[in-house]
Amino acid sequence: MLCPLFGALADRRGRVVPTLGLVTGVGVLATAGLALVGRGDWVAGAALFGLGNVAIAVCLVLYDALLPRIARP
């Protein structure tokens, strides 16, 4: 549900690249945070995994939106 929203907002504002960088950073931090999850702390692990998964999905949508600006069909 968030992917089309982020894609539309980035296209409308014309800020696809900065938004892509921001969402990529969130995904990287969520993934790195998984290394800090302790044994038995499955809630934190699941939350970070979910956040990272959503971030990569949004990144792929923004990346796809950027392709027509880089290469011609």
PDB file of N, CA and C in Angstrom:
ATOM      1  N   MET A   1       0.813  -1.191   0.000  1.00  0.00           N
ATOM      2  CA  MET A   1       0.000   0.000   0.000  1.00  0.00           C
ATOM      3  C   MET A   1       0.861   1.262   0.000  1.00  0.00           C
ATOM      4  N   LEU A   2       2.038   1.198   0.562  1.00  0.00           N
ATOM      5  CA  LEU A   2       2.879   2.385   0.624  1.00  0.00           C
ATOM      6  C   LEU A   2       3.637   2.660  -0.674  1.00  0.00           C
ATOM      7  N   CYS A   3       3.904   1.632  -1.433  1.00  0.00           N
ATOM      8  CA  CYS A   3       4.727   1.796  -2.634  1.00  0.00           C
ATOM      9  C   CYS A   3       4.113   2.760  -3.643  1.00  0.00           C
ATOM     10  N   PRO A   4       2.854   2.600  -4.031  1.00  0.00           N
ATOM     11  CA  PRO A   4       2.282   3.559  -4.977  1.00  0.00           C
ATOM     12  C   PRO A   4       2.225   4.977  -4.412  1.00  0.00           C
ATOM     13  N   LEU A   5       1.983   5.086  -3.116  1.00  0.00           N
ATOM     14  CA  LEU A   5       1.926   6.399  -2.484  1.00  0.00           C
ATOM     15  C   LEU A   5       3.281   7.097  -2.566  1.00  0.00           C
ATOM     16  N   PHE A   6       4.350   6.401  -2.199  1.00  0.00           N
ATOM     17  CA  PHE A   6       5.687   6.980  -2.269  1.00  0.00           C
ATOM     18  C   PHE A   6       6.068   7.304  -3.712  1.00  0.00           C
ATOM     19  N   GLY A   7       5.724   6.426  -4.636  1.00  0.00           N
ATOM     20  CA  GLY A   7       6.023   6.668  -6.045  1.00  0.00           C
ATOM     21  C   GLY A   7       5.317   7.901  -6.568  1.00  0.00           C
ATOM     22  N   ALA A   8       4.048   8.047  -6.241  1.00  0.00           N
ATOM     23  CA  ALA A   8       3.279   9.211  -6.684  1.00  0.00           C
ATOM     24  C   ALA A   8       3.798  10.494  -6.063  1.00  0.00           C
ATOM     25  N   LEU A   9       4.121  10.452  -4.779  1.00  0.00           N
ATOM     26  CA  LEU A   9       4.653  11.645  -4.117  1.00  0.00           C
ATOM     27  C   LEU A   9       6.001  12.061  -4.693  1.00  0.00           C
ATOM     28  N   ALA A  10       6.859  11.101  -4.935  1.00  0.00           N
ATOM     29  CA  ALA A  10       8.178  11.417  -5.483  1.00  0.00           C
ATOM     30  C   ALA A  10       8.061  11.965  -6.898  1.00  0.00           C
ATOM     31  N   ASP A  11       7.166  11.397  -7.712  1.00  0.00           N
ATOM     32  CA  ASP A  11       6.968  11.898  -9.071  1.00  0.00           C
ATOM     33  C   ASP A  11       6.365  13.292  -9.068  1.00  0.00           C
ATOM     34  N   ARG A  12       5.403  13.495  -8.220  1.00  0.00           N
ATOM     35  CA  ARG A  12       4.714  14.785  -8.181  1.00  0.00           C
ATOM     36  C   ARG A  12       5.649  15.898  -7.723  1.00  0.00           C
ATOM     37  N   ARG A  13       6.482  15.604  -6.755  1.00  0.00           N
ATOM     38  CA  ARG A  13       7.421  16.615  -6.246  1.00  0.00           C
ATOM     39  C   ARG A  13       8.686  16.711  -7.083  1.00  0.00           C
ATOM     40  N   GLY A  14       8.909  15.719  -7.943  1.00  0.00           N
ATOM     41  CA  GLY A  14      10.116  15.737  -8.766  1.00  0.00           C
ATOM     42  C   GLY A  14      11.377  15.435  -7.978  1.00  0.00           C
ATOM     43  N   ARG A  15      11.240  14.735  -6.879  1.00  0.00           N
ATOM     44  CA  ARG A  15      12.379  14.440  -6.004  1.00  0.00           C
ATOM     45  C   ARG A  15      12.547  12.939  -5.839  1.00  0.00           C
ATOM     46  N   VAL A  16      12.660  12.242  -6.956  1.00  0.00           N
ATOM     47  CA  VAL A  16      12.778  10.786  -6.916  1.00  0.00           C
ATOM     48  C   VAL A  16      14.119  10.369  -6.310  1.00  0.00           C
ATOM     49  N   VAL A  17      15.192  11.006  -6.742  1.00  0.00           N
ATOM     50  CA  VAL A  17      16.528  10.599  -6.278  1.00  0.00           C
ATOM     51  C   VAL A  17      16.713  10.844  -4.780  1.00  0.00           C
ATOM     52  N   PRO A  18      16.373  12.029  -4.236  1.00  0.00           N
ATOM     53  CA  PRO A  18      16.519  12.192  -2.783  1.00  0.00           C
ATOM     54  C   PRO A  18      15.626  11.250  -1.975  1.00  0.00           C
ATOM     55  N   THR A  19      14.418  11.004  -2.472  1.00  0.00           N
ATOM     56  CA  THR A  19      13.527  10.077  -1.771  1.00  0.00           C
ATOM     57  C   THR A  19      14.086   8.665  -1.816  1.00  0.00           C
ATOM     58  N   LEU A  20      14.650   8.291  -2.953  1.00  0.00           N
ATOM     59  CA  LEU A  20      15.288   6.974  -3.076  1.00  0.00           C
ATOM     60  C   LEU A  20      16.439   6.848  -2.081  1.00  0.00           C
ATOM     61  N   GLY A  21      17.239   7.888  -1.951  1.00  0.00           N
ATOM     62  CA  GLY A  21      18.340   7.872  -0.987  1.00  0.00           C
ATOM     63  C   GLY A  21      17.860   7.762   0.449  1.00  0.00           C
ATOM     64  N   LEU A  22      16.805   8.487   0.775  1.00  0.00           N
ATOM     65  CA  LEU A  22      16.263   8.442   2.134  1.00  0.00           C
ATOM     66  C   LEU A  22      15.718   7.058   2.477  1.00  0.00           C
ATOM     67  N   VAL A  23      14.941   6.493   1.570  1.00  0.00           N
ATOM     68  CA  VAL A  23      14.342   5.185   1.830  1.00  0.00           C
ATOM     69  C   VAL A  23      15.416   4.096   1.850  1.00  0.00           C
ATOM     70  N   THR A  24      16.434   4.237   1.007  1.00  0.00           N
ATOM     71  CA  THR A  24      17.551   3.292   1.042  1.00  0.00           C
ATOM     72  C   THR A  24      18.261   3.351   2.385  1.00  0.00           C
ATOM     73  N   GLY A  25      18.465   4.565   2.894  1.00  0.00           N
ATOM     74  CA  GLY A  25      19.088   4.724   4.209  1.00  0.00           C
ATOM     75  C   GLY A  25      18.283   4.069   5.316  1.00  0.00           C
ATOM     76  N   VAL A  26      16.977   4.203   5.251  1.00  0.00           N
ATOM     77  CA  VAL A  26      16.110   3.563   6.251  1.00  0.00           C
ATOM     78  C   VAL A  26      16.257   2.049   6.174  1.00  0.00           C
ATOM     79  N   GLY A  27      16.291   1.513   4.951  1.00  0.00           N
ATOM     80  CA  GLY A  27      16.461   0.071   4.790  1.00  0.00           C
ATOM     81  C   GLY A  27      17.798  -0.422   5.307  1.00  0.00           C
ATOM     82  N   VAL A  28      18.844   0.351   5.041  1.00  0.00           N
ATOM     83  CA  VAL A  28      20.186  -0.021   5.513  1.00  0.00           C
ATOM     84  C   VAL A  28      20.244  -0.004   7.035  1.00  0.00           C
ATOM     85  N   LEU A  29      19.685   1.028   7.638  1.00  0.00           N
ATOM     86  CA  LEU A  29      19.695   1.109   9.100  1.00  0.00           C
ATOM     87  C   LEU A  29      18.862   0.000   9.742  1.00  0.00           C
ATOM     88  N   ALA A  30      17.733  -0.328   9.128  1.00  0.00           N
ATOM     89  CA  ALA A  30      16.912  -1.422   9.665  1.00  0.00           C
ATOM     90  C   ALA A  30      17.654  -2.746   9.569  1.00  0.00           C
ATOM     91  N   THR A  31      18.334  -2.961   8.448  1.00  0.00           N
ATOM     92  CA  THR A  31      19.087  -4.201   8.283  1.00  0.00           C
ATOM     93  C   THR A  31      20.259  -4.268   9.255  1.00  0.00           C
ATOM     94  N   ALA A  32      20.968  -3.159   9.408  1.00  0.00           N
ATOM     95  CA  ALA A  32      22.079  -3.120  10.358  1.00  0.00           C
ATOM     96  C   ALA A  32      21.582  -3.306  11.788  1.00  0.00           C
ATOM     97  N   GLY A  33      20.402  -2.804  12.081  1.00  0.00           N
ATOM     98  CA  GLY A  33      19.833  -2.955  13.418  1.00  0.00           C
ATOM     99  C   GLY A  33      19.530  -4.396  13.779  1.00  0.00           C
ATOM    100  N   LEU A  34      19.349  -5.233  12.779  1.00  0.00           N
ATOM    101  CA  LEU A  34      19.113  -6.652  13.058  1.00  0.00           C
ATOM    102  C   LEU A  34      20.299  -7.296  13.768  1.00  0.00           C
ATOM    103  N   ALA A  35      21.492  -6.759  13.543  1.00  0.00           N
ATOM    104  CA  ALA A  35      22.672  -7.306  14.214  1.00  0.00           C
ATOM    105  C   ALA A  35      22.651  -7.030  15.716  1.00  0.00           C
ATOM    106  N   LEU A  36      21.880  -6.050  16.127  1.00  0.00           N
ATOM    107  CA  LEU A  36      21.828  -5.673  17.541  1.00  0.00           C
ATOM    108  C   LEU A  36      20.703  -6.356  18.306  1.00  0.00           C
ATOM    109  N   VAL A  37      19.879  -7.102  17.612  1.00  0.00           N
ATOM    110  CA  VAL A  37      18.752  -7.781  18.264  1.00  0.00           C
ATOM    111  C   VAL A  37      19.287  -8.938  19.089  1.00  0.00           C
ATOM    112  N   GLY A  38      18.892  -8.946  20.345  1.00  0.00           N
ATOM    113  CA  GLY A  38      19.352  -9.994  21.248  1.00  0.00           C
ATOM    114  C   GLY A  38      18.516 -11.253  21.136  1.00  0.00           C
ATOM    115  N   ARG A  39      19.027 -12.285  21.745  1.00  0.00           N
ATOM    116  CA  ARG A  39      18.341 -13.578  21.741  1.00  0.00           C
ATOM    117  C   ARG A  39      16.995 -13.450  22.457  1.00  0.00           C
ATOM    118  N   GLY A  40      15.967 -13.936  21.823  1.00  0.00           N
ATOM    119  CA  GLY A  40      14.643 -13.898  22.407  1.00  0.00           C
ATOM    120  C   GLY A  40      13.884 -12.604  22.166  1.00  0.00           C
ATOM    121  N   ASP A  41      14.521 -11.618  21.583  1.00  0.00           N
ATOM    122  CA  ASP A  41      13.865 -10.334  21.319  1.00  0.00           C
ATOM    123  C   ASP A  41      13.269 -10.357  19.916  1.00  0.00           C
ATOM    124  N   TRP A  42      12.315 -11.258  19.735  1.00  0.00           N
ATOM    125  CA  TRP A  42      11.762 -11.476  18.408  1.00  0.00           C
ATOM    126  C   TRP A  42      10.894 -10.310  17.933  1.00  0.00           C
ATOM    127  N   VAL A  43      10.330  -9.538  18.863  1.00  0.00           N
ATOM    128  CA  VAL A  43       9.491  -8.411  18.463  1.00  0.00           C
ATOM    129  C   VAL A  43      10.330  -7.349  17.764  1.00  0.00           C
ATOM    130  N   ALA A  44      11.474  -7.023  18.339  1.00  0.00           N
ATOM    131  CA  ALA A  44      12.359  -6.042  17.713  1.00  0.00           C
ATOM    132  C   ALA A  44      12.877  -6.571  16.377  1.00  0.00           C
ATOM    133  N   GLY A  45      13.219  -7.851  16.340  1.00  0.00           N
ATOM    134  CA  GLY A  45      13.693  -8.449  15.093  1.00  0.00           C
ATOM    135  C   GLY A  45      12.633  -8.425  14.010  1.00  0.00           C
ATOM    136  N   ALA A  46      11.407  -8.741  14.372  1.00  0.00           N
ATOM    137  CA  ALA A  46      10.317  -8.737  13.400  1.00  0.00           C
ATOM    138  C   ALA A  46      10.010  -7.318  12.923  1.00  0.00           C
ATOM    139  N   ALA A  47      10.074  -6.357  13.830  1.00  0.00           N
ATOM    140  CA  ALA A  47       9.812  -4.966  13.447  1.00  0.00           C
ATOM    141  C   ALA A  47      10.884  -4.443  12.495  1.00  0.00           C
ATOM    142  N   LEU A  48      12.139  -4.727  12.802  1.00  0.00           N
ATOM    143  CA  LEU A  48      13.228  -4.285  11.918  1.00  0.00           C
ATOM    144  C   LEU A  48      13.182  -5.003  10.577  1.00  0.00           C
ATOM    145  N   PHE A  49      12.857  -6.276  10.593  1.00  0.00           N
ATOM    146  CA  PHE A  49      12.726  -7.028   9.348  1.00  0.00           C
ATOM    147  C   PHE A  49      11.593  -6.456   8.492  1.00  0.00           C
ATOM    148  N   GLY A  50      10.468  -6.168   9.117  1.00  0.00           N
ATOM    149  CA  GLY A  50       9.331  -5.588   8.394  1.00  0.00           C
ATOM    150  C   GLY A  50       9.652  -4.223   7.825  1.00  0.00           C
ATOM    151  N   LEU A  51      10.315  -3.393   8.616  1.00  0.00           N
ATOM    152  CA  LEU A  51      10.704  -2.065   8.147  1.00  0.00           C
ATOM    153  C   LEU A  51      11.669  -2.164   6.972  1.00  0.00           C
ATOM    154  N   GLY A  52      12.646  -3.045   7.077  1.00  0.00           N
ATOM    155  CA  GLY A  52      13.588  -3.230   5.979  1.00  0.00           C
ATOM    156  C   GLY A  52      12.916  -3.762   4.727  1.00  0.00           C
ATOM    157  N   ASN A  53      11.959  -4.652   4.893  1.00  0.00           N
ATOM    158  CA  ASN A  53      11.242  -5.223   3.763  1.00  0.00           C
ATOM    159  C   ASN A  53      10.403  -4.161   3.057  1.00  0.00           C
ATOM    160  N   VAL A  54       9.716  -3.330   3.811  1.00  0.00           N
ATOM    161  CA  VAL A  54       8.934  -2.239   3.218  1.00  0.00           C
ATOM    162  C   VAL A  54       9.856  -1.250   2.525  1.00  0.00           C
ATOM    163  N   ALA A  55      10.991  -0.951   3.148  1.00  0.00           N
ATOM    164  CA  ALA A  55      11.929   0.006   2.557  1.00  0.00           C
ATOM    165  C   ALA A  55      12.463  -0.493   1.217  1.00  0.00           C
ATOM    166  N   ILE A  56      12.809  -1.751   1.110  1.00  0.00           N
ATOM    167  CA  ILE A  56      13.323  -2.254  -0.168  1.00  0.00           C
ATOM    168  C   ILE A  56      12.227  -2.273  -1.225  1.00  0.00           C
ATOM    169  N   ALA A  57      10.991  -2.545  -0.828  1.00  0.00           N
ATOM    170  CA  ALA A  57       9.889  -2.523  -1.791  1.00  0.00           C
ATOM    171  C   ALA A  57       9.672  -1.106  -2.336  1.00  0.00           C
ATOM    172  N   VAL A  58       9.729  -0.114  -1.456  1.00  0.00           N
ATOM    173  CA  VAL A  58       9.590   1.281  -1.889  1.00  0.00           C
ATOM    174  C   VAL A  58      10.774   1.683  -2.755  1.00  0.00           C
ATOM    175  N   CYS A  59      11.981   1.228  -2.394  1.00  0.00           N
ATOM    176  CA  CYS A  59      13.172   1.523  -3.200  1.00  0.00           C
ATOM    177  C   CYS A  59      13.025   1.005  -4.621  1.00  0.00           C
ATOM    178  N   LEU A  60      12.502  -0.189  -4.771  1.00  0.00           N
ATOM    179  CA  LEU A  60      12.343  -0.765  -6.103  1.00  0.00           C
ATOM    180  C   LEU A  60      11.335   0.025  -6.933  1.00  0.00           C
ATOM    181  N   VAL A  61      10.274   0.508  -6.306  1.00  0.00           N
ATOM    182  CA  VAL A  61       9.292   1.327  -7.027  1.00  0.00           C
ATOM    183  C   VAL A  61       9.924   2.641  -7.470  1.00  0.00           C
ATOM    184  N   LEU A  62      10.679   3.274  -6.582  1.00  0.00           N
ATOM    185  CA  LEU A  62      11.325   4.538  -6.931  1.00  0.00           C
ATOM    186  C   LEU A  62      12.400   4.340  -7.993  1.00  0.00           C
ATOM    187  N   TYR A  63      13.115   3.237  -7.920  1.00  0.00           N
ATOM    188  CA  TYR A  63      14.120   2.917  -8.927  1.00  0.00           C
ATOM    189  C   TYR A  63      13.466   2.737 -10.290  1.00  0.00           C
ATOM    190  N   ASP A  64      12.345   2.026 -10.315  1.00  0.00           N
ATOM    191  CA  ASP A  64      11.627   1.830 -11.572  1.00  0.00           C
ATOM    192  C   ASP A  64      11.104   3.151 -12.124  1.00  0.00           C
ATOM    193  N   ALA A  65      10.697   4.053 -11.254  1.00  0.00           N
ATOM    194  CA  ALA A  65      10.222   5.366 -11.695  1.00  0.00           C
ATOM    195  C   ALA A  65      11.360   6.192 -12.269  1.00  0.00           C
ATOM    196  N   LEU A  66      12.571   5.901 -11.861  1.00  0.00           N
ATOM    197  CA  LEU A  66      13.737   6.652 -12.325  1.00  0.00           C
ATOM    198  C   LEU A  66      14.251   6.166 -13.683  1.00  0.00           C
ATOM    199  N   LEU A  67      13.965   4.953 -14.036  1.00  0.00           N
ATOM    200  CA  LEU A  67      14.486   4.362 -15.274  1.00  0.00           C
ATOM    201  C   LEU A  67      14.135   5.137 -16.546  1.00  0.00           C
ATOM    202  N   PRO A  68      12.911   5.623 -16.746  1.00  0.00           N
ATOM    203  CA  PRO A  68      12.619   6.353 -17.989  1.00  0.00           C
ATOM    204  C   PRO A  68      13.426   7.642 -18.136  1.00  0.00           C
ATOM    205  N   ARG A  69      13.910   8.174 -17.043  1.00  0.00           N
ATOM    206  CA  ARG A  69      14.750   9.384 -17.119  1.00  0.00           C
ATOM    207  C   ARG A  69      16.184   9.066 -17.517  1.00  0.00           C
ATOM    208  N   ILE A  70      16.581   7.833 -17.291  1.00  0.00           N
ATOM    209  CA  ILE A  70      17.962   7.428 -17.568  1.00  0.00           C
ATOM    210  C   ILE A  70      18.106   6.829 -18.961  1.00  0.00           C
ATOM    211  N   ALA A  71      17.188   5.944 -19.313  1.00  0.00           N
ATOM    212  CA  ALA A  71      17.279   5.226 -20.596  1.00  0.00           C
ATOM    213  C   ALA A  71      15.983   5.375 -21.369  1.00  0.00           C
ATOM    214  N   ARG A  72      16.119   5.416 -22.657  1.00  0.00           N
ATOM    215  CA  ARG A  72      14.926   5.503 -23.501  1.00  0.00           C
ATOM    216  C   ARG A  72      14.391   4.103 -23.765  1.00  0.00           C
ATOM    217  N   PRO A  73      13.056   3.981 -23.836  1.00  0.00           N
ATOM    218  CA  PRO A  73      12.478   2.657 -24.087  1.00  0.00           C
ATOM    219  C   PRO A  73      12.758   2.124 -25.481  1.00  0.00           C
TER     220      PRO A  73
END
